[in-house]
Amino acid sequence: FFVILYLLQGMGCMLYTVFCNISVVHELLAIRRRIGPGSK
């Protein structure tokens, strides 16, 4: 139980970190389009 818990937690943290990195890069590259011209 402890080993599987450690495995699931480790894999979940890594997948979540990958998701956050991809989202951040995408949002940073599209930051002007997301905010809109003239709004800020």
All heavy atoms as atom14 arrays in JSON, in Angstrom:
{
  "sequence": "FFVILYLLQGMGCMLYTVFCNISVVHELLAIRRRIGPGSK",
  "atom14_mask": [
    [1, 1, 1, 1, 1, 1, 1, 1, 1, 1, 1, 0, 0, 0],
    [1, 1, 1, 1, 1, 1, 1, 1, 1, 1, 1, 0, 0, 0],
    [1, 1, 1, 1, 1, 1, 1, 0, 0, 0, 0, 0, 0, 0],
    [1, 1, 1, 1, 1, 1, 1, 1, 0, 0, 0, 0, 0, 0],
    [1, 1, 1, 1, 1, 1, 1, 1, 0, 0, 0, 0, 0, 0],
    [1, 1, 1, 1, 1, 1, 1, 1, 1, 1, 1, 1, 0, 0],
    [1, 1, 1, 1, 1, 1, 1, 1, 0, 0, 0, 0, 0, 0],
    [1, 1, 1, 1, 1, 1, 1, 1, 0, 0, 0, 0, 0, 0],
    [1, 1, 1, 1, 1, 1, 1, 1, 1, 0, 0, 0, 0, 0],
    [1, 1, 1, 1, 0, 0, 0, 0, 0, 0, 0, 0, 0, 0],
    [1, 1, 1, 1, 1, 1, 1, 1, 0, 0, 0, 0, 0, 0],
    [1, 1, 1, 1, 0, 0, 0, 0, 0, 0, 0, 0, 0, 0],
    [1, 1, 1, 1, 1, 1, 0, 0, 0, 0, 0, 0, 0, 0],
    [1, 1, 1, 1, 1, 1, 1, 1, 0, 0, 0, 0, 0, 0],
    [1, 1, 1, 1, 1, 1, 1, 1, 0, 0, 0, 0, 0, 0],
    [1, 1, 1, 1, 1, 1, 1, 1, 1, 1, 1, 1, 0, 0],
    [1, 1, 1, 1, 1, 1, 1, 0, 0, 0, 0, 0, 0, 0],
    [1, 1, 1, 1, 1, 1, 1, 0, 0, 0, 0, 0, 0, 0],
    [1, 1, 1, 1, 1, 1, 1, 1, 1, 1, 1, 0, 0, 0],
    [1, 1, 1, 1, 1, 1, 0, 0, 0, 0, 0, 0, 0, 0],
    [1, 1, 1, 1, 1, 1, 1, 1, 0, 0, 0, 0, 0, 0],
    [1, 1, 1, 1, 1, 1, 1, 1, 0, 0, 0, 0, 0, 0],
    [1, 1, 1, 1, 1, 1, 0, 0, 0, 0, 0, 0, 0, 0],
    [1, 1, 1, 1, 1, 1, 1, 0, 0, 0, 0, 0, 0, 0],
    [1, 1, 1, 1, 1, 1, 1, 0, 0, 0, 0, 0, 0, 0],
    [1, 1, 1, 1, 1, 1, 1, 1, 1, 1, 0, 0, 0, 0],
    [1, 1, 1, 1, 1, 1, 1, 1, 1, 0, 0, 0, 0, 0],
    [1, 1, 1, 1, 1, 1, 1, 1, 0, 0, 0, 0, 0, 0],
    [1, 1, 1, 1, 1, 1, 1, 1, 0, 0, 0, 0, 0, 0],
    [1, 1, 1, 1, 1, 0, 0, 0, 0, 0, 0, 0, 0, 0],
    [1, 1, 1, 1, 1, 1, 1, 1, 0, 0, 0, 0, 0, 0],
    [1, 1, 1, 1, 1, 1, 1, 1, 1, 1, 1, 0, 0, 0],
    [1, 1, 1, 1, 1, 1, 1, 1, 1, 1, 1, 0, 0, 0],
    [1, 1, 1, 1, 1, 1, 1, 1, 1, 1, 1, 0, 0, 0],
    [1, 1, 1, 1, 1, 1, 1, 1, 0, 0, 0, 0, 0, 0],
    [1, 1, 1, 1, 0, 0, 0, 0, 0, 0, 0, 0, 0, 0],
    [1, 1, 1, 1, 1, 1, 1, 0, 0, 0, 0, 0, 0, 0],
    [1, 1, 1, 1, 0, 0, 0, 0, 0, 0, 0, 0, 0, 0],
    [1, 1, 1, 1, 1, 1, 0, 0, 0, 0, 0, 0, 0, 0],
    [1, 1, 1, 1, 1, 1, 1, 1, 1, 0, 0, 0, 0, 0]
  ],
  "atom14_positions": [
    [[0.84, -1.21, 0.0], [0.0, 0.0, 0.0], [0.87, 1.26, 0.0], [0.62, 2.19, -0.77], [-0.92, 0.01, 1.22], [-1.55, 1.34, 1.5], [-2.63, 1.8, 0.75], [-1.05, 2.18, 2.51], [-3.21, 3.03, 1.0], [-1.61, 3.41, 2.76], [-2.7, 3.84, 2.0], [0.0, 0.0, 0.0], [0.0, 0.0, 0.0], [0.0, 0.0, 0.0]],
    [[1.92, 1.25, 0.83], [2.78, 2.43, 0.9], [3.54, 2.64, -0.4], [3.65, 3.77, -0.89], [3.77, 2.29, 2.06], [4.66, 3.47, 2.25], [4.2, 4.6, 2.92], [5.95, 3.48, 1.75], [5.02, 5.72, 3.08], [6.77, 4.58, 1.92], [6.3, 5.7, 2.58], [0.0, 0.0, 0.0], [0.0, 0.0, 0.0], [0.0, 0.0, 0.0]],
    [[4.07, 1.56, -0.98], [4.83, 1.68, -2.23], [3.93, 2.18, -3.35], [4.31, 3.08, -4.13], [5.47, 0.34, -2.61], [6.1, 0.42, -3.99], [6.53, -0.05, -1.58], [0.0, 0.0, 0.0], [0.0, 0.0, 0.0], [0.0, 0.0, 0.0], [0.0, 0.0, 0.0], [0.0, 0.0, 0.0], [0.0, 0.0, 0.0], [0.0, 0.0, 0.0]],
    [[2.71, 1.63, -3.47], [1.79, 2.06, -4.53], [1.35, 3.5, -4.3], [1.24, 4.28, -5.25], [0.58, 1.11, -4.6], [1.04, -0.27, -5.1], [-0.5, 1.66, -5.53], [-0.04, -1.31, -5.14], [0.0, 0.0, 0.0], [0.0, 0.0, 0.0], [0.0, 0.0, 0.0], [0.0, 0.0, 0.0], [0.0, 0.0, 0.0], [0.0, 0.0, 0.0]],
    [[1.12, 3.85, -3.04], [0.78, 5.25, -2.73], [1.9, 6.18, -3.16], [1.65, 7.24, -3.76], [0.52, 5.39, -1.22], [0.31, 6.83, -0.71], [-0.96, 7.43, -1.32], [0.23, 6.86, 0.82], [0.0, 0.0, 0.0], [0.0, 0.0, 0.0], [0.0, 0.0, 0.0], [0.0, 0.0, 0.0], [0.0, 0.0, 0.0], [0.0, 0.0, 0.0]],
    [[3.14, 5.8, -2.89], [4.3, 6.61, -3.27], [4.4, 6.72, -4.79], [4.68, 7.8, -5.33], [5.57, 5.97, -2.69], [6.71, 6.93, -2.51], [6.93, 7.54, -1.28], [7.59, 7.2, -3.54], [7.99, 8.41, -1.09], [8.66, 8.06, -3.36], [8.84, 8.66, -2.14], [9.89, 9.53, -1.96], [0.0, 0.0, 0.0], [0.0, 0.0, 0.0]],
    [[4.16, 5.59, -5.49], [4.2, 5.6, -6.95], [3.13, 6.5, -7.54], [3.41, 7.33, -8.42], [4.04, 4.17, -7.48], [5.27, 3.28, -7.46], [4.88, 1.84, -7.78], [6.3, 3.78, -8.45], [0.0, 0.0, 0.0], [0.0, 0.0, 0.0], [0.0, 0.0, 0.0], [0.0, 0.0, 0.0], [0.0, 0.0, 0.0], [0.0, 0.0, 0.0]],
    [[1.9, 6.35, -7.09], [0.8, 7.15, -7.62], [1.0, 8.63, -7.33], [0.75, 9.48, -8.19], [-0.53, 6.67, -7.03], [-0.99, 5.27, -7.44], [-2.27, 4.89, -6.71], [-1.2, 5.21, -8.95], [0.0, 0.0, 0.0], [0.0, 0.0, 0.0], [0.0, 0.0, 0.0], [0.0, 0.0, 0.0], [0.0, 0.0, 0.0], [0.0, 0.0, 0.0]],
    [[1.47, 8.92, -6.14], [1.72, 10.32, -5.79], [2.84, 10.9, -6.65], [2.72, 12.02, -7.17], [2.11, 10.4, -4.32], [2.53, 11.78, -3.86], [3.05, 11.75, -2.45], [2.27, 11.72, -1.52], [4.37, 11.77, -2.28], [0.0, 0.0, 0.0], [0.0, 0.0, 0.0], [0.0, 0.0, 0.0], [0.0, 0.0, 0.0], [0.0, 0.0, 0.0]],
    [[3.92, 10.16, -6.84], [5.03, 10.65, -7.66], [4.63, 10.86, -9.11], [4.93, 11.91, -9.7], [0.0, 0.0, 0.0], [0.0, 0.0, 0.0], [0.0, 0.0, 0.0], [0.0, 0.0, 0.0], [0.0, 0.0, 0.0], [0.0, 0.0, 0.0], [0.0, 0.0, 0.0], [0.0, 0.0, 0.0], [0.0, 0.0, 0.0], [0.0, 0.0, 0.0]],
    [[3.93, 9.89, -9.7], [3.51, 10.02, -11.09], [2.49, 11.14, -11.25], [2.52, 11.9, -12.22], [2.91, 8.7, -11.57], [3.9, 7.55, -11.65], [5.3, 7.88, -12.74], [4.47, 8.05, -14.32], [0.0, 0.0, 0.0], [0.0, 0.0, 0.0], [0.0, 0.0, 0.0], [0.0, 0.0, 0.0], [0.0, 0.0, 0.0], [0.0, 0.0, 0.0]],
    [[1.57, 11.27, -10.28], [0.58, 12.35, -10.34], [1.23, 13.72, -10.28], [0.86, 14.63, -11.03], [0.0, 0.0, 0.0], [0.0, 0.0, 0.0], [0.0, 0.0, 0.0], [0.0, 0.0, 0.0], [0.0, 0.0, 0.0], [0.0, 0.0, 0.0], [0.0, 0.0, 0.0], [0.0, 0.0, 0.0], [0.0, 0.0, 0.0], [0.0, 0.0, 0.0]],
    [[2.21, 13.88, -9.39], [2.91, 15.17, -9.29], [3.66, 15.5, -10.57], [3.66, 16.65, -11.03], [3.88, 15.14, -8.11], [3.09, 15.19, -6.49], [0.0, 0.0, 0.0], [0.0, 0.0, 0.0], [0.0, 0.0, 0.0], [0.0, 0.0, 0.0], [0.0, 0.0, 0.0], [0.0, 0.0, 0.0], [0.0, 0.0, 0.0], [0.0, 0.0, 0.0]],
    [[4.29, 14.5, -11.19], [5.04, 14.75, -12.42], [4.11, 15.12, -13.57], [4.38, 16.05, -14.33], [5.89, 13.53, -12.78], [7.11, 13.36, -11.89], [8.35, 12.24, -12.6], [7.42, 10.73, -12.63], [0.0, 0.0, 0.0], [0.0, 0.0, 0.0], [0.0, 0.0, 0.0], [0.0, 0.0, 0.0], [0.0, 0.0, 0.0], [0.0, 0.0, 0.0]],
    [[3.0, 14.38, -13.72], [2.05, 14.69, -14.8], [1.44, 16.08, -14.6], [1.27, 16.84, -15.57], [0.96, 13.63, -14.84], [1.4, 12.24, -15.31], [0.24, 11.24, -15.18], [1.89, 12.29, -16.75], [0.0, 0.0, 0.0], [0.0, 0.0, 0.0], [0.0, 0.0, 0.0], [0.0, 0.0, 0.0], [0.0, 0.0, 0.0], [0.0, 0.0, 0.0]],
    [[1.13, 16.42, -13.37], [0.57, 17.74, -13.08], [1.59, 18.84, -13.39], [1.25, 19.9, -13.93], [0.14, 17.8, -11.62], [-0.36, 19.17, -11.2], [-1.61, 19.62, -11.59], [0.43, 19.99, -10.41], [-2.07, 20.87, -11.2], [-0.01, 21.24, -10.02], [-1.27, 21.67, -10.41], [-1.71, 22.92, -10.03], [0.0, 0.0, 0.0], [0.0, 0.0, 0.0]],
    [[2.86, 18.59, -13.06], [3.91, 19.56, -13.34], [4.09, 19.76, -14.85], [4.26, 20.89, -15.32], [5.24, 19.1, -12.71], [5.05, 18.9, -11.31], [6.33, 20.15, -12.91], [0.0, 0.0, 0.0], [0.0, 0.0, 0.0], [0.0, 0.0, 0.0], [0.0, 0.0, 0.0], [0.0, 0.0, 0.0], [0.0, 0.0, 0.0], [0.0, 0.0, 0.0]],
    [[4.04, 18.66, -15.61], [4.12, 18.77, -17.08], [2.96, 19.58, -17.62], [3.13, 20.45, -18.48], [4.14, 17.36, -17.71], [4.0, 17.44, -19.22], [5.43, 16.64, -17.36], [0.0, 0.0, 0.0], [0.0, 0.0, 0.0], [0.0, 0.0, 0.0], [0.0, 0.0, 0.0], [0.0, 0.0, 0.0], [0.0, 0.0, 0.0], [0.0, 0.0, 0.0]],
    [[1.76, 19.31, -17.12], [0.58, 20.07, -17.56], [0.73, 21.56, -17.27], [0.44, 22.4, -18.13], [-0.67, 19.52, -16.85], [-1.87, 20.42, -16.94], [-2.59, 20.52, -18.12], [-2.28, 21.17, -15.84], [-3.69, 21.36, -18.21], [-3.38, 22.01, -15.93], [-4.08, 22.1, -17.11], [0.0, 0.0, 0.0], [0.0, 0.0, 0.0], [0.0, 0.0, 0.0]],
    [[1.2, 21.91, -16.07], [1.39, 23.32, -15.72], [2.43, 23.98, -16.62], [2.24, 25.12, -17.06], [1.79, 23.44, -14.25], [0.47, 23.09, -13.08], [0.0, 0.0, 0.0], [0.0, 0.0, 0.0], [0.0, 0.0, 0.0], [0.0, 0.0, 0.0], [0.0, 0.0, 0.0], [0.0, 0.0, 0.0], [0.0, 0.0, 0.0], [0.0, 0.0, 0.0]],
    [[3.52, 23.27, -16.91], [4.57, 23.85, -17.76], [4.06, 24.11, -19.17], [4.3, 25.18, -19.74], [5.78, 22.91, -17.8], [6.71, 23.11, -16.64], [7.7, 23.84, -16.74], [6.42, 22.49, -15.51], [0.0, 0.0, 0.0], [0.0, 0.0, 0.0], [0.0, 0.0, 0.0], [0.0, 0.0, 0.0], [0.0, 0.0, 0.0], [0.0, 0.0, 0.0]],
    [[3.35, 23.15, -19.75], [2.81, 23.33, -21.1], [1.81, 24.48, -21.13], [1.83, 25.32, -22.04], [2.16, 22.02, -21.59], [3.23, 20.93, -21.76], [1.42, 22.24, -22.91], [2.66, 19.57, -22.1], [0.0, 0.0, 0.0], [0.0, 0.0, 0.0], [0.0, 0.0, 0.0], [0.0, 0.0, 0.0], [0.0, 0.0, 0.0], [0.0, 0.0, 0.0]],
    [[0.95, 24.56, -20.12], [-0.05, 25.63, -20.06], [0.6, 27.0, -19.92], [0.19, 27.97, -20.56], [-1.02, 25.38, -18.9], [-1.7, 24.17, -19.05], [0.0, 0.0, 0.0], [0.0, 0.0, 0.0], [0.0, 0.0, 0.0], [0.0, 0.0, 0.0], [0.0, 0.0, 0.0], [0.0, 0.0, 0.0], [0.0, 0.0, 0.0], [0.0, 0.0, 0.0]],
    [[1.65, 27.07, -19.09], [2.33, 28.35, -18.87], [3.01, 28.83, -20.14], [2.91, 30.02, -20.51], [3.34, 28.22, -17.71], [4.32, 29.39, -17.71], [2.62, 28.15, -16.38], [0.0, 0.0, 0.0], [0.0, 0.0, 0.0], [0.0, 0.0, 0.0], [0.0, 0.0, 0.0], [0.0, 0.0, 0.0], [0.0, 0.0, 0.0], [0.0, 0.0, 0.0]],
    [[3.71, 27.93, -20.82], [4.39, 28.32, -22.06], [3.36, 28.77, -23.1], [3.54, 29.8, -23.78], [5.23, 27.15, -22.6], [5.79, 27.47, -23.98], [6.37, 26.83, -21.64], [0.0, 0.0, 0.0], [0.0, 0.0, 0.0], [0.0, 0.0, 0.0], [0.0, 0.0, 0.0], [0.0, 0.0, 0.0], [0.0, 0.0, 0.0], [0.0, 0.0, 0.0]],
    [[2.26, 28.04, -23.22], [1.22, 28.4, -24.19], [0.62, 29.76, -23.86], [0.42, 30.61, -24.74], [0.14, 27.32, -24.2], [-1.01, 27.64, -25.1], [-2.17, 28.29, -24.65], [-1.2, 27.44, -26.42], [-3.0, 28.44, -25.65], [-2.44, 27.94, -26.74], [0.0, 0.0, 0.0], [0.0, 0.0, 0.0], [0.0, 0.0, 0.0], [0.0, 0.0, 0.0]],
    [[0.33, 29.99, -22.58], [-0.3, 31.26, -22.19], [0.67, 32.43, -22.34], [0.26, 33.52, -22.72], [-0.77, 31.18, -20.73], [-1.94, 30.25, -20.52], [-3.19, 30.72, -21.23], [-3.39, 31.95, -21.35], [-3.96, 29.87, -21.68], [0.0, 0.0, 0.0], [0.0, 0.0, 0.0], [0.0, 0.0, 0.0], [0.0, 0.0, 0.0], [0.0, 0.0, 0.0]],
    [[1.94, 32.19, -22.07], [2.91, 33.27, -22.19], [3.11, 33.67, -23.65], [3.22, 34.86, -23.97], [4.24, 32.85, -21.58], [5.31, 33.94, -21.44], [4.8, 35.06, -20.54], [6.59, 33.38, -20.89], [0.0, 0.0, 0.0], [0.0, 0.0, 0.0], [0.0, 0.0, 0.0], [0.0, 0.0, 0.0], [0.0, 0.0, 0.0], [0.0, 0.0, 0.0]],
    [[3.1, 32.71, -24.53], [3.25, 33.02, -25.96], [2.0, 33.69, -26.52], [2.08, 34.49, -27.46], [3.54, 31.73, -26.74], [4.87, 31.04, -26.44], [4.98, 29.73, -27.2], [6.05, 31.95, -26.77], [0.0, 0.0, 0.0], [0.0, 0.0, 0.0], [0.0, 0.0, 0.0], [0.0, 0.0, 0.0], [0.0, 0.0, 0.0], [0.0, 0.0, 0.0]],
    [[0.85, 33.4, -25.95], [-0.4, 33.98, -26.45], [-0.95, 35.04, -25.51], [-2.16, 35.3, -25.5], [-1.43, 32.86, -26.63], [0.0, 0.0, 0.0], [0.0, 0.0, 0.0], [0.0, 0.0, 0.0], [0.0, 0.0, 0.0], [0.0, 0.0, 0.0], [0.0, 0.0, 0.0], [0.0, 0.0, 0.0], [0.0, 0.0, 0.0], [0.0, 0.0, 0.0]],
    [[-0.09, 35.68, -24.73], [-0.57, 36.59, -23.69], [-1.27, 37.82, -24.27], [-2.28, 38.29, -23.73], [0.59, 37.01, -22.76], [0.05, 37.65, -21.49], [1.58, 37.92, -23.47], [1.1, 37.81, -20.41], [0.0, 0.0, 0.0], [0.0, 0.0, 0.0], [0.0, 0.0, 0.0], [0.0, 0.0, 0.0], [0.0, 0.0, 0.0], [0.0, 0.0, 0.0]],
    [[-0.82, 38.33, -25.39], [-1.46, 39.5, -26.0], [-2.85, 39.13, -26.52], [-3.81, 39.88, -26.35], [-0.61, 40.05, -27.15], [0.65, 40.75, -26.68], [1.39, 41.38, -27.86], [2.56, 42.08, -27.41], [2.58, 43.33, -26.98], [1.45, 44.02, -26.94], [3.7, 43.9, -26.58], [0.0, 0.0, 0.0], [0.0, 0.0, 0.0], [0.0, 0.0, 0.0]],
    [[-2.94, 37.96, -27.15], [-4.24, 37.54, -27.69], [-5.22, 37.27, -26.56], [-6.41, 37.58, -26.68], [-4.05, 36.27, -28.52], [-5.33, 35.62, -28.97], [-5.03, 34.47, -29.93], [-4.09, 33.53, -29.36], [-4.42, 32.58, -28.5], [-5.67, 32.47, -28.09], [-3.5, 31.75, -28.04], [0.0, 0.0, 0.0], [0.0, 0.0, 0.0], [0.0, 0.0, 0.0]],
    [[-4.74, 36.7, -25.44], [-5.63, 36.39, -24.34], [-6.14, 37.64, -23.65], [-7.31, 37.73, -23.29], [-4.89, 35.52, -23.32], [-5.69, 35.22, -22.08], [-4.98, 34.17, -21.25], [-3.62, 34.57, -20.95], [-3.29, 35.4, -19.97], [-4.23, 35.94, -19.23], [-2.03, 35.69, -19.76], [0.0, 0.0, 0.0], [0.0, 0.0, 0.0], [0.0, 0.0, 0.0]],
    [[-5.25, 38.61, -23.41], [-5.67, 39.83, -22.72], [-6.46, 40.73, -23.65], [-7.42, 41.36, -23.25], [-4.43, 40.57, -22.16], [-3.78, 39.7, -21.08], [-4.79, 41.91, -21.61], [-2.52, 40.28, -20.51], [0.0, 0.0, 0.0], [0.0, 0.0, 0.0], [0.0, 0.0, 0.0], [0.0, 0.0, 0.0], [0.0, 0.0, 0.0], [0.0, 0.0, 0.0]],
    [[-6.1, 40.79, -24.91], [-6.83, 41.62, -25.86], [-6.16, 42.96, -26.03], [-5.65, 43.55, -25.07], [0.0, 0.0, 0.0], [0.0, 0.0, 0.0], [0.0, 0.0, 0.0], [0.0, 0.0, 0.0], [0.0, 0.0, 0.0], [0.0, 0.0, 0.0], [0.0, 0.0, 0.0], [0.0, 0.0, 0.0], [0.0, 0.0, 0.0], [0.0, 0.0, 0.0]],
    [[-6.16, 43.49, -27.25], [-5.52, 44.78, -27.49], [-6.28, 45.92, -26.83], [-7.48, 46.03, -26.94], [-5.57, 44.9, -29.03], [-6.72, 44.04, -29.43], [-6.79, 42.93, -28.46], [0.0, 0.0, 0.0], [0.0, 0.0, 0.0], [0.0, 0.0, 0.0], [0.0, 0.0, 0.0], [0.0, 0.0, 0.0], [0.0, 0.0, 0.0], [0.0, 0.0, 0.0]],
    [[-5.56, 46.71, -26.12], [-6.16, 47.9, -25.53], [-6.76, 47.68, -24.17], [-7.1, 48.64, -23.47], [0.0, 0.0, 0.0], [0.0, 0.0, 0.0], [0.0, 0.0, 0.0], [0.0, 0.0, 0.0], [0.0, 0.0, 0.0], [0.0, 0.0, 0.0], [0.0, 0.0, 0.0], [0.0, 0.0, 0.0], [0.0, 0.0, 0.0], [0.0, 0.0, 0.0]],
    [[-6.95, 46.44, -23.74], [-7.56, 46.21, -22.43], [-6.54, 46.4, -21.31], [-6.88, 46.87, -20.24], [-8.14, 44.79, -22.35], [-7.12, 43.84, -22.56], [0.0, 0.0, 0.0], [0.0, 0.0, 0.0], [0.0, 0.0, 0.0], [0.0, 0.0, 0.0], [0.0, 0.0, 0.0], [0.0, 0.0, 0.0], [0.0, 0.0, 0.0], [0.0, 0.0, 0.0]],
    [[-5.32, 46.04, -21.57], [-4.27, 46.22, -20.57], [-2.92, 46.19, -21.26], [-2.65, 45.32, -22.07], [-4.33, 45.11, -19.51], [-3.27, 45.28, -18.41], [-3.35, 44.15, -17.43], [-2.26, 44.27, -16.37], [-2.29, 43.16, -15.41], [0.0, 0.0, 0.0], [0.0, 0.0, 0.0], [0.0, 0.0, 0.0], [0.0, 0.0, 0.0], [0.0, 0.0, 0.0]]
  ]
}
